[in-house]
Amino acid sequence: MPFDWQDYLKLATELSVRLDSEAALRTATSRAYFAVFCSARDHAKRWYGFHPKYTAEDHRQLRELFVARKRGVANNLQHLRYWRNSCDYEDVVPALQTVVQQAISTAHQTIQM
């Protein structure tokens, strides 16, 4: 049975509420992004003939595909990726609590699209 990528969003929500550590908040943001990215990737494979290479290039190509089909999804993927990169690579993430809440909210909205 294939993995339900939306479980990452459930985990992100739990991490953001139950654990008050910077590592948990950063991880929540990352999981929110991948919940949307992988769900969108699978949707694009099924409905739009998207052929991922399973490399970093897929992130850009998937956003480009959605620019033409569902611009809101593309915009949200871009925001989520920015927040994820900040949380995964930057030493300091200003307003981390706000970033996490925006990421989770945006992820929920995007999955509904």
N, C-alpha and C. Protein backbone atom coordinates (compact mmCIF):
# COMPACT_ATOMS: atom_id res chain seq x y z
N MET A 1 0.85 -1.17 0.00
CA MET A 1 0.00 0.00 0.00
C MET A 1 0.90 1.24 0.00
N PRO A 2 0.64 2.19 -0.90
CA PRO A 2 1.50 3.36 -0.98
C PRO A 2 1.37 4.25 0.26
N PHE A 3 2.43 4.93 0.56
CA PHE A 3 2.46 5.85 1.70
C PHE A 3 1.51 7.01 1.45
N ASP A 4 0.79 7.40 2.47
CA ASP A 4 -0.10 8.57 2.39
C ASP A 4 0.71 9.80 2.81
N TRP A 5 1.11 10.60 1.84
CA TRP A 5 1.97 11.74 2.09
C TRP A 5 1.32 12.76 3.02
N GLN A 6 0.02 12.76 3.10
CA GLN A 6 -0.66 13.69 3.99
C GLN A 6 -0.41 13.35 5.47
N ASP A 7 0.08 12.13 5.73
CA ASP A 7 0.48 11.79 7.10
C ASP A 7 1.61 12.70 7.58
N TYR A 8 2.44 13.18 6.64
CA TYR A 8 3.48 14.13 7.01
C TYR A 8 2.87 15.43 7.55
N LEU A 9 1.75 15.83 6.98
CA LEU A 9 1.10 17.05 7.45
C LEU A 9 0.50 16.84 8.84
N LYS A 10 -0.04 15.66 9.08
CA LYS A 10 -0.53 15.34 10.43
C LYS A 10 0.63 15.38 11.43
N LEU A 11 1.76 14.81 11.05
CA LEU A 11 2.94 14.83 11.91
C LEU A 11 3.41 16.26 12.16
N ALA A 12 3.43 17.06 11.12
CA ALA A 12 3.86 18.46 11.24
C ALA A 12 2.98 19.19 12.25
N THR A 13 1.69 18.97 12.16
CA THR A 13 0.76 19.62 13.09
C THR A 13 1.03 19.16 14.51
N GLU A 14 1.22 17.86 14.71
CA GLU A 14 1.51 17.35 16.05
C GLU A 14 2.82 17.92 16.59
N LEU A 15 3.84 17.96 15.76
CA LEU A 15 5.12 18.51 16.20
C LEU A 15 5.00 19.97 16.60
N SER A 16 4.22 20.72 15.86
CA SER A 16 4.11 22.16 16.14
C SER A 16 3.31 22.44 17.41
N VAL A 17 2.45 21.52 17.80
CA VAL A 17 1.60 21.73 18.96
C VAL A 17 2.18 21.11 20.22
N ARG A 18 2.72 19.92 20.11
CA ARG A 18 3.12 19.16 21.28
C ARG A 18 4.55 19.40 21.74
N LEU A 19 5.40 19.74 20.83
CA LEU A 19 6.80 19.91 21.19
C LEU A 19 7.20 21.36 21.01
N ASP A 20 7.81 21.91 22.02
CA ASP A 20 8.21 23.31 21.96
C ASP A 20 9.72 23.43 21.82
N SER A 21 10.27 22.69 20.90
CA SER A 21 11.70 22.80 20.64
C SER A 21 11.91 23.34 19.23
N GLU A 22 13.01 24.01 19.05
CA GLU A 22 13.31 24.56 17.73
C GLU A 22 13.44 23.44 16.69
N ALA A 23 14.04 22.33 17.09
CA ALA A 23 14.20 21.22 16.15
C ALA A 23 12.84 20.69 15.70
N ALA A 24 11.89 20.57 16.63
CA ALA A 24 10.56 20.09 16.27
C ALA A 24 9.85 21.06 15.34
N LEU A 25 9.99 22.35 15.60
CA LEU A 25 9.34 23.35 14.75
C LEU A 25 9.94 23.36 13.36
N ARG A 26 11.25 23.26 13.27
CA ARG A 26 11.90 23.21 11.97
C ARG A 26 11.49 21.96 11.20
N THR A 27 11.42 20.84 11.89
CA THR A 27 11.01 19.58 11.27
C THR A 27 9.57 19.65 10.80
N ALA A 28 8.71 20.30 11.58
CA ALA A 28 7.30 20.46 11.19
C ALA A 28 7.19 21.20 9.86
N THR A 29 7.98 22.24 9.71
CA THR A 29 7.96 23.02 8.46
C THR A 29 8.42 22.16 7.29
N SER A 30 9.45 21.39 7.50
CA SER A 30 9.96 20.52 6.44
C SER A 30 8.94 19.46 6.05
N ARG A 31 8.31 18.85 7.02
CA ARG A 31 7.31 17.81 6.74
C ARG A 31 6.09 18.40 6.04
N ALA A 32 5.69 19.63 6.41
CA ALA A 32 4.56 20.28 5.74
C ALA A 32 4.87 20.45 4.25
N TYR A 33 6.10 20.87 3.94
CA TYR A 33 6.48 21.03 2.53
C TYR A 33 6.40 19.69 1.80
N PHE A 34 6.99 18.65 2.39
CA PHE A 34 7.03 17.38 1.68
C PHE A 34 5.67 16.72 1.58
N ALA A 35 4.76 17.00 2.50
CA ALA A 35 3.38 16.51 2.37
C ALA A 35 2.77 17.05 1.09
N VAL A 36 2.98 18.33 0.84
CA VAL A 36 2.41 18.97 -0.35
C VAL A 36 3.19 18.57 -1.60
N PHE A 37 4.50 18.63 -1.53
CA PHE A 37 5.31 18.32 -2.71
C PHE A 37 5.02 16.91 -3.22
N CYS A 38 5.05 15.93 -2.34
CA CYS A 38 4.86 14.55 -2.79
C CYS A 38 3.43 14.28 -3.22
N SER A 39 2.47 14.89 -2.55
CA SER A 39 1.07 14.76 -2.98
C SER A 39 0.87 15.38 -4.36
N ALA A 40 1.45 16.56 -4.57
CA ALA A 40 1.34 17.25 -5.86
C ALA A 40 2.08 16.46 -6.95
N ARG A 41 3.22 15.91 -6.61
CA ARG A 41 3.98 15.11 -7.57
C ARG A 41 3.17 13.90 -8.01
N ASP A 42 2.56 13.20 -7.06
CA ASP A 42 1.77 12.02 -7.41
C ASP A 42 0.53 12.40 -8.22
N HIS A 43 -0.09 13.51 -7.87
CA HIS A 43 -1.24 14.01 -8.64
C HIS A 43 -0.82 14.33 -10.08
N ALA A 44 0.31 14.99 -10.20
CA ALA A 44 0.81 15.37 -11.53
C ALA A 44 1.19 14.13 -12.35
N LYS A 45 1.72 13.13 -11.72
CA LYS A 45 2.02 11.88 -12.44
C LYS A 45 0.75 11.25 -12.96
N ARG A 46 -0.26 11.20 -12.12
CA ARG A 46 -1.52 10.53 -12.45
C ARG A 46 -2.32 11.28 -13.50
N TRP A 47 -2.40 12.62 -13.36
CA TRP A 47 -3.32 13.40 -14.19
C TRP A 47 -2.67 14.20 -15.30
N TYR A 48 -1.39 14.54 -15.16
CA TYR A 48 -0.77 15.43 -16.13
C TYR A 48 0.42 14.79 -16.86
N GLY A 49 0.69 13.52 -16.60
CA GLY A 49 1.79 12.85 -17.29
C GLY A 49 3.17 13.30 -16.82
N PHE A 50 3.27 13.83 -15.62
CA PHE A 50 4.56 14.26 -15.08
C PHE A 50 5.44 13.03 -14.86
N HIS A 51 6.70 13.13 -15.28
CA HIS A 51 7.65 12.04 -15.13
C HIS A 51 8.82 12.52 -14.26
N PRO A 52 8.71 12.34 -12.95
CA PRO A 52 9.80 12.81 -12.08
C PRO A 52 11.06 11.99 -12.28
N LYS A 53 12.17 12.65 -12.06
CA LYS A 53 13.47 11.99 -12.13
C LYS A 53 13.95 11.61 -10.72
N TYR A 54 13.19 12.06 -9.72
CA TYR A 54 13.54 11.84 -8.31
C TYR A 54 14.89 12.46 -7.99
N THR A 55 15.05 13.69 -8.49
CA THR A 55 16.21 14.51 -8.19
C THR A 55 15.71 15.87 -7.72
N ALA A 56 16.64 16.72 -7.33
CA ALA A 56 16.28 18.07 -6.87
C ALA A 56 15.58 18.87 -7.96
N GLU A 57 15.84 18.55 -9.19
CA GLU A 57 15.23 19.26 -10.32
C GLU A 57 13.71 19.09 -10.35
N ASP A 58 13.21 18.01 -9.78
CA ASP A 58 11.77 17.77 -9.76
C ASP A 58 11.01 18.89 -9.05
N HIS A 59 11.62 19.51 -8.06
CA HIS A 59 10.95 20.57 -7.31
C HIS A 59 10.62 21.75 -8.23
N ARG A 60 11.58 22.15 -9.03
CA ARG A 60 11.36 23.26 -9.98
C ARG A 60 10.39 22.85 -11.08
N GLN A 61 10.60 21.68 -11.65
CA GLN A 61 9.75 21.24 -12.75
C GLN A 61 8.29 21.07 -12.32
N LEU A 62 8.08 20.60 -11.11
CA LEU A 62 6.71 20.45 -10.63
C LEU A 62 6.04 21.80 -10.46
N ARG A 63 6.78 22.77 -9.90
CA ARG A 63 6.22 24.12 -9.77
C ARG A 63 5.88 24.69 -11.14
N GLU A 64 6.75 24.51 -12.10
CA GLU A 64 6.50 25.02 -13.46
C GLU A 64 5.26 24.38 -14.07
N LEU A 65 5.09 23.09 -13.86
CA LEU A 65 3.91 22.41 -14.38
C LEU A 65 2.64 23.01 -13.77
N PHE A 66 2.66 23.29 -12.48
CA PHE A 66 1.47 23.83 -11.83
C PHE A 66 1.25 25.31 -12.14
N VAL A 67 2.27 26.03 -12.55
CA VAL A 67 2.06 27.42 -12.97
C VAL A 67 1.05 27.45 -14.11
N ALA A 68 1.17 26.50 -15.02
CA ALA A 68 0.28 26.46 -16.18
C ALA A 68 -1.09 25.87 -15.86
N ARG A 69 -1.18 25.08 -14.79
CA ARG A 69 -2.43 24.36 -14.53
C ARG A 69 -3.17 24.87 -13.31
N LYS A 70 -2.47 25.08 -12.23
CA LYS A 70 -3.08 25.56 -10.98
C LYS A 70 -2.07 26.48 -10.31
N ARG A 71 -2.11 27.74 -10.71
CA ARG A 71 -1.11 28.71 -10.25
C ARG A 71 -1.05 28.79 -8.72
N GLY A 72 -2.19 28.65 -8.04
CA GLY A 72 -2.19 28.71 -6.59
C GLY A 72 -1.33 27.62 -5.97
N VAL A 73 -1.38 26.43 -6.54
CA VAL A 73 -0.55 25.33 -6.06
C VAL A 73 0.92 25.67 -6.27
N ALA A 74 1.25 26.18 -7.44
CA ALA A 74 2.64 26.56 -7.74
C ALA A 74 3.14 27.61 -6.77
N ASN A 75 2.35 28.64 -6.52
CA ASN A 75 2.75 29.70 -5.59
C ASN A 75 2.95 29.16 -4.19
N ASN A 76 2.03 28.31 -3.75
CA ASN A 76 2.16 27.74 -2.41
C ASN A 76 3.36 26.83 -2.29
N LEU A 77 3.63 26.03 -3.32
CA LEU A 77 4.84 25.20 -3.31
C LEU A 77 6.09 26.06 -3.17
N GLN A 78 6.10 27.19 -3.86
CA GLN A 78 7.26 28.08 -3.78
C GLN A 78 7.44 28.62 -2.36
N HIS A 79 6.35 29.07 -1.75
CA HIS A 79 6.44 29.57 -0.37
C HIS A 79 6.89 28.46 0.59
N LEU A 80 6.28 27.31 0.46
CA LEU A 80 6.62 26.19 1.34
C LEU A 80 8.08 25.78 1.18
N ARG A 81 8.55 25.78 -0.06
CA ARG A 81 9.96 25.40 -0.28
C ARG A 81 10.89 26.43 0.33
N TYR A 82 10.56 27.70 0.22
CA TYR A 82 11.38 28.76 0.83
C TYR A 82 11.46 28.55 2.35
N TRP A 83 10.30 28.33 2.97
CA TRP A 83 10.29 28.13 4.42
C TRP A 83 11.04 26.86 4.81
N ARG A 84 10.87 25.80 4.04
CA ARG A 84 11.59 24.55 4.33
C ARG A 84 13.08 24.75 4.23
N ASN A 85 13.53 25.41 3.16
CA ASN A 85 14.97 25.65 3.00
C ASN A 85 15.51 26.48 4.15
N SER A 86 14.76 27.48 4.58
CA SER A 86 15.21 28.30 5.72
C SER A 86 15.37 27.43 6.95
N CYS A 87 14.38 26.59 7.21
CA CYS A 87 14.42 25.74 8.41
C CYS A 87 15.49 24.65 8.32
N ASP A 88 15.75 24.16 7.13
CA ASP A 88 16.71 23.07 6.97
C ASP A 88 18.16 23.54 6.83
N TYR A 89 18.37 24.81 6.42
CA TYR A 89 19.73 25.23 6.12
C TYR A 89 20.23 26.46 6.87
N GLU A 90 19.36 27.29 7.36
CA GLU A 90 19.78 28.53 8.01
C GLU A 90 20.03 28.32 9.50
N ASP A 91 21.03 29.00 10.04
CA ASP A 91 21.33 28.92 11.47
C ASP A 91 20.26 29.62 12.31
N VAL A 92 19.69 30.68 11.78
CA VAL A 92 18.66 31.44 12.48
C VAL A 92 17.45 31.61 11.56
N VAL A 93 16.28 31.29 12.07
CA VAL A 93 15.04 31.49 11.32
C VAL A 93 14.20 32.50 12.11
N PRO A 94 14.15 33.75 11.65
CA PRO A 94 13.36 34.75 12.36
C PRO A 94 11.88 34.36 12.40
N ALA A 95 11.24 34.62 13.51
CA ALA A 95 9.80 34.36 13.69
C ALA A 95 9.44 32.92 13.35
N LEU A 96 10.19 31.99 13.90
CA LEU A 96 10.02 30.57 13.57
C LEU A 96 8.60 30.09 13.84
N GLN A 97 8.01 30.48 14.96
CA GLN A 97 6.65 30.07 15.27
C GLN A 97 5.68 30.49 14.15
N THR A 98 5.85 31.70 13.68
CA THR A 98 4.99 32.22 12.61
C THR A 98 5.22 31.45 11.31
N VAL A 99 6.47 31.16 11.00
CA VAL A 99 6.80 30.39 9.80
C VAL A 99 6.13 29.03 9.85
N VAL A 100 6.21 28.37 10.98
CA VAL A 100 5.62 27.03 11.12
C VAL A 100 4.10 27.10 10.91
N GLN A 101 3.46 28.04 11.55
CA GLN A 101 2.00 28.15 11.40
C GLN A 101 1.60 28.48 9.96
N GLN A 102 2.37 29.35 9.31
CA GLN A 102 2.09 29.67 7.90
C GLN A 102 2.28 28.43 7.03
N ALA A 103 3.34 27.69 7.29
CA ALA A 103 3.63 26.49 6.49
C ALA A 103 2.52 25.46 6.63
N ILE A 104 2.08 25.22 7.85
CA ILE A 104 1.03 24.22 8.07
C ILE A 104 -0.29 24.68 7.46
N SER A 105 -0.61 25.93 7.65
CA SER A 105 -1.85 26.48 7.08
C SER A 105 -1.82 26.42 5.55
N THR A 106 -0.70 26.83 4.97
CA THR A 106 -0.55 26.81 3.52
C THR A 106 -0.61 25.38 2.98
N ALA A 107 0.00 24.45 3.71
CA ALA A 107 -0.03 23.06 3.27
C ALA A 107 -1.47 22.52 3.26
N HIS A 108 -2.23 22.81 4.31
CA HIS A 108 -3.63 22.37 4.34
C HIS A 108 -4.41 22.96 3.17
N GLN A 109 -4.23 24.24 2.92
CA GLN A 109 -4.94 24.91 1.82
C GLN A 109 -4.57 24.29 0.48
N THR A 110 -3.30 24.01 0.30
CA THR A 110 -2.82 23.50 -0.98
C THR A 110 -3.34 22.10 -1.24
N ILE A 111 -3.35 21.27 -0.23
CA ILE A 111 -3.85 19.90 -0.41
C ILE A 111 -5.32 19.93 -0.77
N GLN A 112 -6.06 20.90 -0.27
CA GLN A 112 -7.48 21.01 -0.62
C GLN A 112 -7.67 21.43 -2.08
N MET A 113 -6.67 22.09 -2.65
CA MET A 113 -6.76 22.53 -4.04
C MET A 113 -6.72 21.33 -4.96
